[in-house]
Amino acid sequence: MFKALDTYQKGIYYVLIGLLAIIIGFSVIELAYLVFQGLLFDESRLRLENHEILGVLGLFLLVLIGIELLETIRTYIEDHRIHVEVILLVALIAVARKIILLDSGEMNDLTLIGIGFVIIALSGGYYLVKKAKAIEKVD
């Protein structure tokens, strides 16, 4: 029974990897299209407008998040371990993407303070995980 469940679970992971790879591939194609369209075919040739740059950066960071999630799933399938460092890195990239795309005029002060605390907490957690790994290597 448990062997069948394990096989089913691995099958789901492979389907997730395939779907995520397809999404990342199409996102990279869309990113390349946006960059080349903005640089070559807009009125302002060889120059992107501010909103276009923000869109490109947001999509770029989204592709990075997808790649990190793909790595997390692959690592889990191979080692049956979740690497907290990678999860924290994905969260930091996601928050950075949110901040880049954020219009601070629409947010209230309490929300901005909350985002600041989330950044501090994720950065502190990432630092502690890296520090623990460094101590592990020394021992």
N, C-alpha and C. Protein backbone atom coordinates (compact mmCIF):
# COMPACT_ATOMS: atom_id res chain seq x y z
N MET A 1 0.82 -1.20 0.00
CA MET A 1 0.00 0.00 0.00
C MET A 1 0.86 1.26 0.00
N PHE A 2 1.88 1.29 0.89
CA PHE A 2 2.74 2.46 0.96
C PHE A 2 3.61 2.61 -0.28
N LYS A 3 3.97 1.49 -0.89
CA LYS A 3 4.76 1.55 -2.11
C LYS A 3 3.95 2.17 -3.25
N ALA A 4 2.68 1.81 -3.33
CA ALA A 4 1.80 2.39 -4.36
C ALA A 4 1.61 3.88 -4.12
N LEU A 5 1.46 4.26 -2.86
CA LEU A 5 1.30 5.68 -2.51
C LEU A 5 2.57 6.46 -2.85
N ASP A 6 3.73 5.87 -2.58
CA ASP A 6 5.00 6.51 -2.91
C ASP A 6 5.16 6.68 -4.42
N THR A 7 4.78 5.67 -5.18
CA THR A 7 4.83 5.76 -6.64
C THR A 7 3.89 6.84 -7.16
N TYR A 8 2.69 6.89 -6.60
CA TYR A 8 1.72 7.92 -6.98
C TYR A 8 2.25 9.32 -6.67
N GLN A 9 2.86 9.46 -5.50
CA GLN A 9 3.41 10.76 -5.08
C GLN A 9 4.55 11.17 -6.02
N LYS A 10 5.42 10.25 -6.39
CA LYS A 10 6.50 10.58 -7.32
C LYS A 10 5.94 10.97 -8.69
N GLY A 11 4.88 10.29 -9.12
CA GLY A 11 4.25 10.64 -10.38
C GLY A 11 3.71 12.07 -10.36
N ILE A 12 3.10 12.45 -9.26
CA ILE A 12 2.59 13.82 -9.11
C ILE A 12 3.74 14.81 -9.16
N TYR A 13 4.85 14.49 -8.51
CA TYR A 13 6.01 15.39 -8.54
C TYR A 13 6.53 15.56 -9.96
N TYR A 14 6.58 14.48 -10.72
CA TYR A 14 7.07 14.58 -12.10
C TYR A 14 6.12 15.40 -12.97
N VAL A 15 4.81 15.25 -12.74
CA VAL A 15 3.85 16.07 -13.47
C VAL A 15 4.05 17.54 -13.11
N LEU A 16 4.24 17.84 -11.82
CA LEU A 16 4.48 19.22 -11.38
C LEU A 16 5.75 19.78 -12.02
N ILE A 17 6.80 18.98 -12.06
CA ILE A 17 8.05 19.43 -12.68
C ILE A 17 7.83 19.74 -14.16
N GLY A 18 7.12 18.86 -14.85
CA GLY A 18 6.86 19.08 -16.27
C GLY A 18 6.05 20.35 -16.51
N LEU A 19 4.98 20.53 -15.74
CA LEU A 19 4.15 21.72 -15.90
C LEU A 19 4.93 22.99 -15.57
N LEU A 20 5.71 22.94 -14.49
CA LEU A 20 6.50 24.11 -14.12
C LEU A 20 7.55 24.43 -15.17
N ALA A 21 8.15 23.40 -15.75
CA ALA A 21 9.14 23.62 -16.82
C ALA A 21 8.49 24.27 -18.04
N ILE A 22 7.28 23.84 -18.37
CA ILE A 22 6.55 24.45 -19.50
C ILE A 22 6.25 25.92 -19.20
N ILE A 23 5.78 26.20 -17.98
CA ILE A 23 5.47 27.58 -17.60
C ILE A 23 6.71 28.45 -17.65
N ILE A 24 7.83 27.93 -17.14
CA ILE A 24 9.07 28.70 -17.15
C ILE A 24 9.52 28.95 -18.60
N GLY A 25 9.40 27.94 -19.44
CA GLY A 25 9.79 28.10 -20.84
C GLY A 25 8.98 29.19 -21.53
N PHE A 26 7.66 29.17 -21.36
CA PHE A 26 6.83 30.20 -21.97
C PHE A 26 7.09 31.57 -21.36
N SER A 27 7.41 31.61 -20.08
CA SER A 27 7.73 32.89 -19.44
C SER A 27 9.02 33.48 -19.99
N VAL A 28 10.00 32.64 -20.25
CA VAL A 28 11.26 33.12 -20.84
C VAL A 28 11.01 33.64 -22.26
N ILE A 29 10.17 32.93 -23.02
CA ILE A 29 9.83 33.39 -24.36
C ILE A 29 9.11 34.75 -24.29
N GLU A 30 8.17 34.88 -23.35
CA GLU A 30 7.47 36.15 -23.20
C GLU A 30 8.42 37.26 -22.76
N LEU A 31 9.35 36.94 -21.87
CA LEU A 31 10.33 37.93 -21.42
C LEU A 31 11.19 38.40 -22.59
N ALA A 32 11.67 37.47 -23.40
CA ALA A 32 12.48 37.84 -24.57
C ALA A 32 11.65 38.68 -25.54
N TYR A 33 10.41 38.31 -25.74
CA TYR A 33 9.53 39.06 -26.64
C TYR A 33 9.34 40.50 -26.14
N LEU A 34 9.09 40.66 -24.84
CA LEU A 34 8.89 42.00 -24.28
C LEU A 34 10.14 42.86 -24.42
N VAL A 35 11.30 42.26 -24.17
CA VAL A 35 12.55 43.02 -24.27
C VAL A 35 12.80 43.45 -25.71
N PHE A 36 12.71 42.51 -26.65
CA PHE A 36 12.99 42.85 -28.05
C PHE A 36 11.93 43.78 -28.63
N GLN A 37 10.68 43.59 -28.25
CA GLN A 37 9.63 44.48 -28.73
C GLN A 37 9.86 45.89 -28.19
N GLY A 38 10.19 45.98 -26.89
CA GLY A 38 10.42 47.30 -26.30
C GLY A 38 11.64 48.00 -26.85
N LEU A 39 12.67 47.24 -27.17
CA LEU A 39 13.90 47.86 -27.65
C LEU A 39 13.89 48.16 -29.15
N LEU A 40 13.25 47.31 -29.93
CA LEU A 40 13.37 47.44 -31.38
C LEU A 40 12.14 48.00 -32.09
N PHE A 41 10.95 47.79 -31.54
CA PHE A 41 9.76 48.10 -32.31
C PHE A 41 8.90 49.21 -31.73
N ASP A 42 9.22 49.75 -30.57
CA ASP A 42 8.45 50.86 -30.01
C ASP A 42 8.91 52.18 -30.61
N GLU A 43 8.14 53.23 -30.32
CA GLU A 43 8.48 54.56 -30.82
C GLU A 43 9.86 55.01 -30.33
N SER A 44 10.16 54.70 -29.09
CA SER A 44 11.45 55.10 -28.52
C SER A 44 12.42 53.93 -28.71
N ARG A 45 13.03 53.87 -29.85
CA ARG A 45 13.93 52.75 -30.17
C ARG A 45 15.13 52.72 -29.22
N LEU A 46 15.55 51.49 -28.93
CA LEU A 46 16.72 51.22 -28.09
C LEU A 46 16.59 51.81 -26.70
N ARG A 47 15.35 51.97 -26.24
CA ARG A 47 15.14 52.50 -24.89
C ARG A 47 13.82 51.98 -24.37
N LEU A 48 13.83 51.46 -23.16
CA LEU A 48 12.60 51.00 -22.53
C LEU A 48 12.06 52.09 -21.61
N GLU A 49 10.75 52.23 -21.57
CA GLU A 49 10.11 53.16 -20.65
C GLU A 49 10.14 52.56 -19.23
N ASN A 50 9.89 53.40 -18.24
CA ASN A 50 9.94 52.94 -16.85
C ASN A 50 8.97 51.79 -16.58
N HIS A 51 7.74 51.90 -17.05
CA HIS A 51 6.76 50.84 -16.80
C HIS A 51 7.15 49.54 -17.52
N GLU A 52 7.81 49.66 -18.67
CA GLU A 52 8.28 48.48 -19.38
C GLU A 52 9.42 47.80 -18.62
N ILE A 53 10.30 48.62 -18.05
CA ILE A 53 11.41 48.06 -17.27
C ILE A 53 10.88 47.33 -16.05
N LEU A 54 9.88 47.92 -15.37
CA LEU A 54 9.29 47.26 -14.21
C LEU A 54 8.62 45.94 -14.60
N GLY A 55 7.95 45.93 -15.72
CA GLY A 55 7.33 44.69 -16.19
C GLY A 55 8.35 43.62 -16.51
N VAL A 56 9.44 44.01 -17.16
CA VAL A 56 10.50 43.06 -17.50
C VAL A 56 11.17 42.53 -16.23
N LEU A 57 11.47 43.42 -15.28
CA LEU A 57 12.08 42.97 -14.02
C LEU A 57 11.16 42.04 -13.25
N GLY A 58 9.87 42.37 -13.22
CA GLY A 58 8.91 41.51 -12.53
C GLY A 58 8.85 40.13 -13.16
N LEU A 59 8.81 40.07 -14.47
CA LEU A 59 8.77 38.78 -15.16
C LEU A 59 10.09 38.02 -14.99
N PHE A 60 11.20 38.74 -14.99
CA PHE A 60 12.50 38.12 -14.78
C PHE A 60 12.57 37.46 -13.40
N LEU A 61 12.13 38.19 -12.39
CA LEU A 61 12.13 37.63 -11.03
C LEU A 61 11.15 36.47 -10.91
N LEU A 62 10.05 36.53 -11.63
CA LEU A 62 9.09 35.43 -11.62
C LEU A 62 9.71 34.17 -12.22
N VAL A 63 10.50 34.33 -13.27
CA VAL A 63 11.21 33.19 -13.86
C VAL A 63 12.22 32.62 -12.85
N LEU A 64 12.92 33.50 -12.14
CA LEU A 64 13.87 33.03 -11.12
C LEU A 64 13.16 32.24 -10.02
N ILE A 65 11.99 32.72 -9.60
CA ILE A 65 11.21 32.00 -8.59
C ILE A 65 10.83 30.63 -9.12
N GLY A 66 10.40 30.55 -10.37
CA GLY A 66 10.04 29.27 -10.95
C GLY A 66 11.22 28.31 -11.01
N ILE A 67 12.38 28.82 -11.36
CA ILE A 67 13.58 27.97 -11.42
C ILE A 67 13.95 27.45 -10.03
N GLU A 68 13.85 28.31 -9.04
CA GLU A 68 14.15 27.88 -7.67
C GLU A 68 13.14 26.84 -7.17
N LEU A 69 11.87 27.02 -7.52
CA LEU A 69 10.86 26.02 -7.15
C LEU A 69 11.12 24.70 -7.86
N LEU A 70 11.53 24.76 -9.11
CA LEU A 70 11.87 23.56 -9.85
C LEU A 70 13.03 22.83 -9.18
N GLU A 71 14.02 23.59 -8.75
CA GLU A 71 15.17 23.01 -8.04
C GLU A 71 14.73 22.38 -6.71
N THR A 72 13.81 23.03 -6.02
CA THR A 72 13.33 22.50 -4.75
C THR A 72 12.62 21.16 -4.95
N ILE A 73 11.76 21.08 -5.95
CA ILE A 73 11.04 19.83 -6.20
C ILE A 73 12.02 18.73 -6.63
N ARG A 74 12.98 19.08 -7.49
CA ARG A 74 13.97 18.10 -7.94
C ARG A 74 14.79 17.57 -6.77
N THR A 75 15.21 18.46 -5.91
CA THR A 75 15.99 18.06 -4.75
C THR A 75 15.19 17.17 -3.81
N TYR A 76 13.91 17.48 -3.65
CA TYR A 76 13.07 16.66 -2.79
C TYR A 76 12.90 15.26 -3.36
N ILE A 77 12.75 15.15 -4.68
CA ILE A 77 12.60 13.83 -5.29
C ILE A 77 13.88 13.02 -5.13
N GLU A 78 15.03 13.67 -5.31
CA GLU A 78 16.30 12.95 -5.24
C GLU A 78 16.70 12.60 -3.81
N ASP A 79 16.60 13.56 -2.89
CA ASP A 79 17.13 13.37 -1.53
C ASP A 79 16.06 13.16 -0.47
N HIS A 80 14.80 13.37 -0.80
CA HIS A 80 13.69 13.33 0.16
C HIS A 80 13.93 14.29 1.32
N ARG A 81 14.54 15.44 0.99
CA ARG A 81 14.76 16.50 1.98
C ARG A 81 14.33 17.83 1.37
N ILE A 82 13.83 18.69 2.20
CA ILE A 82 13.51 20.04 1.77
C ILE A 82 14.62 20.95 2.26
N HIS A 83 15.21 21.71 1.36
CA HIS A 83 16.28 22.62 1.73
C HIS A 83 15.67 23.96 2.12
N VAL A 84 15.76 24.26 3.39
CA VAL A 84 15.17 25.49 3.92
C VAL A 84 15.82 26.71 3.29
N GLU A 85 17.09 26.61 2.99
CA GLU A 85 17.81 27.72 2.38
C GLU A 85 17.18 28.13 1.05
N VAL A 86 16.82 27.14 0.24
CA VAL A 86 16.22 27.43 -1.06
C VAL A 86 14.82 28.03 -0.89
N ILE A 87 14.06 27.51 0.06
CA ILE A 87 12.72 28.04 0.32
C ILE A 87 12.81 29.50 0.77
N LEU A 88 13.75 29.80 1.65
CA LEU A 88 13.92 31.19 2.10
C LEU A 88 14.37 32.08 0.94
N LEU A 89 15.20 31.56 0.08
CA LEU A 89 15.64 32.33 -1.09
C LEU A 89 14.47 32.62 -2.03
N VAL A 90 13.61 31.65 -2.24
CA VAL A 90 12.42 31.86 -3.08
C VAL A 90 11.53 32.93 -2.45
N ALA A 91 11.35 32.87 -1.15
CA ALA A 91 10.53 33.87 -0.45
C ALA A 91 11.14 35.26 -0.56
N LEU A 92 12.46 35.36 -0.43
CA LEU A 92 13.13 36.66 -0.56
C LEU A 92 12.97 37.22 -1.98
N ILE A 93 13.10 36.36 -2.98
CA ILE A 93 12.93 36.81 -4.36
C ILE A 93 11.49 37.28 -4.58
N ALA A 94 10.52 36.54 -4.02
CA ALA A 94 9.11 36.91 -4.18
C ALA A 94 8.82 38.26 -3.53
N VAL A 95 9.38 38.49 -2.35
CA VAL A 95 9.16 39.78 -1.68
C VAL A 95 9.87 40.89 -2.44
N ALA A 96 11.06 40.62 -2.96
CA ALA A 96 11.77 41.62 -3.76
C ALA A 96 10.97 41.97 -5.00
N ARG A 97 10.39 40.96 -5.64
CA ARG A 97 9.54 41.21 -6.82
C ARG A 97 8.35 42.08 -6.45
N LYS A 98 7.74 41.78 -5.32
CA LYS A 98 6.58 42.56 -4.86
C LYS A 98 6.98 44.02 -4.62
N ILE A 99 8.14 44.22 -4.02
CA ILE A 99 8.60 45.58 -3.72
C ILE A 99 8.91 46.34 -5.01
N ILE A 100 9.53 45.66 -5.98
CA ILE A 100 9.86 46.32 -7.24
C ILE A 100 8.60 46.76 -7.95
N LEU A 101 7.56 45.92 -7.93
CA LEU A 101 6.33 46.23 -8.64
C LEU A 101 5.35 47.06 -7.81
N LEU A 102 5.70 47.34 -6.56
CA LEU A 102 4.80 48.01 -5.63
C LEU A 102 4.69 49.50 -5.93
N ASP A 103 3.47 49.99 -5.92
CA ASP A 103 3.24 51.42 -6.00
C ASP A 103 3.00 51.89 -4.57
N SER A 104 4.02 52.49 -3.97
CA SER A 104 3.95 52.83 -2.55
C SER A 104 2.86 53.85 -2.24
N GLY A 105 2.40 54.57 -3.24
CA GLY A 105 1.32 55.53 -3.02
C GLY A 105 0.00 54.85 -2.69
N GLU A 106 -0.17 53.61 -3.15
CA GLU A 106 -1.41 52.88 -2.91
C GLU A 106 -1.40 52.15 -1.57
N MET A 107 -0.26 52.00 -0.95
CA MET A 107 -0.15 51.23 0.29
C MET A 107 -0.19 52.16 1.49
N ASN A 108 -0.75 51.63 2.58
CA ASN A 108 -0.73 52.43 3.80
C ASN A 108 0.55 52.13 4.58
N ASP A 109 0.81 52.93 5.58
CA ASP A 109 2.07 52.83 6.33
C ASP A 109 2.22 51.49 7.02
N LEU A 110 1.15 50.98 7.59
CA LEU A 110 1.22 49.73 8.33
C LEU A 110 1.59 48.56 7.41
N THR A 111 1.10 48.55 6.19
CA THR A 111 1.44 47.50 5.22
C THR A 111 2.92 47.58 4.86
N LEU A 112 3.43 48.78 4.64
CA LEU A 112 4.86 48.94 4.31
C LEU A 112 5.74 48.49 5.47
N ILE A 113 5.33 48.81 6.69
CA ILE A 113 6.09 48.36 7.87
C ILE A 113 6.06 46.84 7.95
N GLY A 114 4.91 46.23 7.66
CA GLY A 114 4.80 44.77 7.68
C GLY A 114 5.72 44.13 6.65
N ILE A 115 5.77 44.70 5.45
CA ILE A 115 6.67 44.18 4.41
C ILE A 115 8.12 44.29 4.87
N GLY A 116 8.44 45.40 5.54
CA GLY A 116 9.80 45.57 6.08
C GLY A 116 10.15 44.49 7.09
N PHE A 117 9.20 44.17 7.97
CA PHE A 117 9.44 43.12 8.96
C PHE A 117 9.58 41.75 8.30
N VAL A 118 8.81 41.51 7.25
CA VAL A 118 8.93 40.24 6.52
C VAL A 118 10.32 40.12 5.91
N ILE A 119 10.83 41.20 5.33
CA ILE A 119 12.17 41.19 4.74
C ILE A 119 13.22 40.92 5.81
N ILE A 120 13.09 41.59 6.96
CA ILE A 120 14.05 41.37 8.05
C ILE A 120 14.00 39.93 8.54
N ALA A 121 12.79 39.39 8.70
CA ALA A 121 12.65 38.01 9.19
C ALA A 121 13.23 37.01 8.19
N LEU A 122 12.93 37.17 6.92
CA LEU A 122 13.46 36.25 5.91
C LEU A 122 14.97 36.36 5.78
N SER A 123 15.49 37.58 5.82
CA SER A 123 16.94 37.77 5.75
C SER A 123 17.63 37.18 6.96
N GLY A 124 17.05 37.38 8.14
CA GLY A 124 17.62 36.81 9.35
C GLY A 124 17.59 35.29 9.33
N GLY A 125 16.49 34.72 8.87
CA GLY A 125 16.40 33.26 8.75
C GLY A 125 17.41 32.72 7.77
N TYR A 126 17.56 33.39 6.63
CA TYR A 126 18.53 32.96 5.63
C TYR A 126 19.95 33.03 6.20
N TYR A 127 20.26 34.11 6.90
CA TYR A 127 21.57 34.26 7.52
C TYR A 127 21.83 33.14 8.53
N LEU A 128 20.84 32.83 9.36
CA LEU A 128 21.02 31.78 10.37
C LEU A 128 21.21 30.41 9.73
N VAL A 129 20.48 30.13 8.67
CA VAL A 129 20.64 28.84 7.98
C VAL A 129 22.03 28.75 7.37
N LYS A 130 22.49 29.83 6.73
CA LYS A 130 23.84 29.82 6.15
C LYS A 130 24.91 29.67 7.23
N LYS A 131 24.71 30.35 8.35
CA LYS A 131 25.66 30.28 9.46
C LYS A 131 25.69 28.86 10.03
N ALA A 132 24.53 28.24 10.18
CA ALA A 132 24.47 26.85 10.69
C ALA A 132 25.18 25.89 9.75
N LYS A 133 25.02 26.09 8.44
CA LYS A 133 25.70 25.23 7.47
C LYS A 133 27.22 25.41 7.55
N ALA A 134 27.66 26.67 7.76
CA ALA A 134 29.09 26.94 7.87
C ALA A 134 29.66 26.27 9.12
N ILE A 135 28.92 26.29 10.20
CA ILE A 135 29.36 25.64 11.43
C ILE A 135 29.39 24.13 11.24
N GLU A 136 28.39 23.59 10.54
CA GLU A 136 28.34 22.17 10.25
C GLU A 136 29.56 21.70 9.48
N LYS A 137 30.01 22.50 8.51
CA LYS A 137 31.16 22.13 7.69
C LYS A 137 32.45 22.13 8.49
N VAL A 138 32.54 23.02 9.48
CA VAL A 138 33.75 23.09 10.29
C VAL A 138 33.86 21.89 11.20
N ASP A 139 32.74 21.43 11.74
CA ASP A 139 32.76 20.29 12.66
C ASP A 139 33.00 19.03 11.97
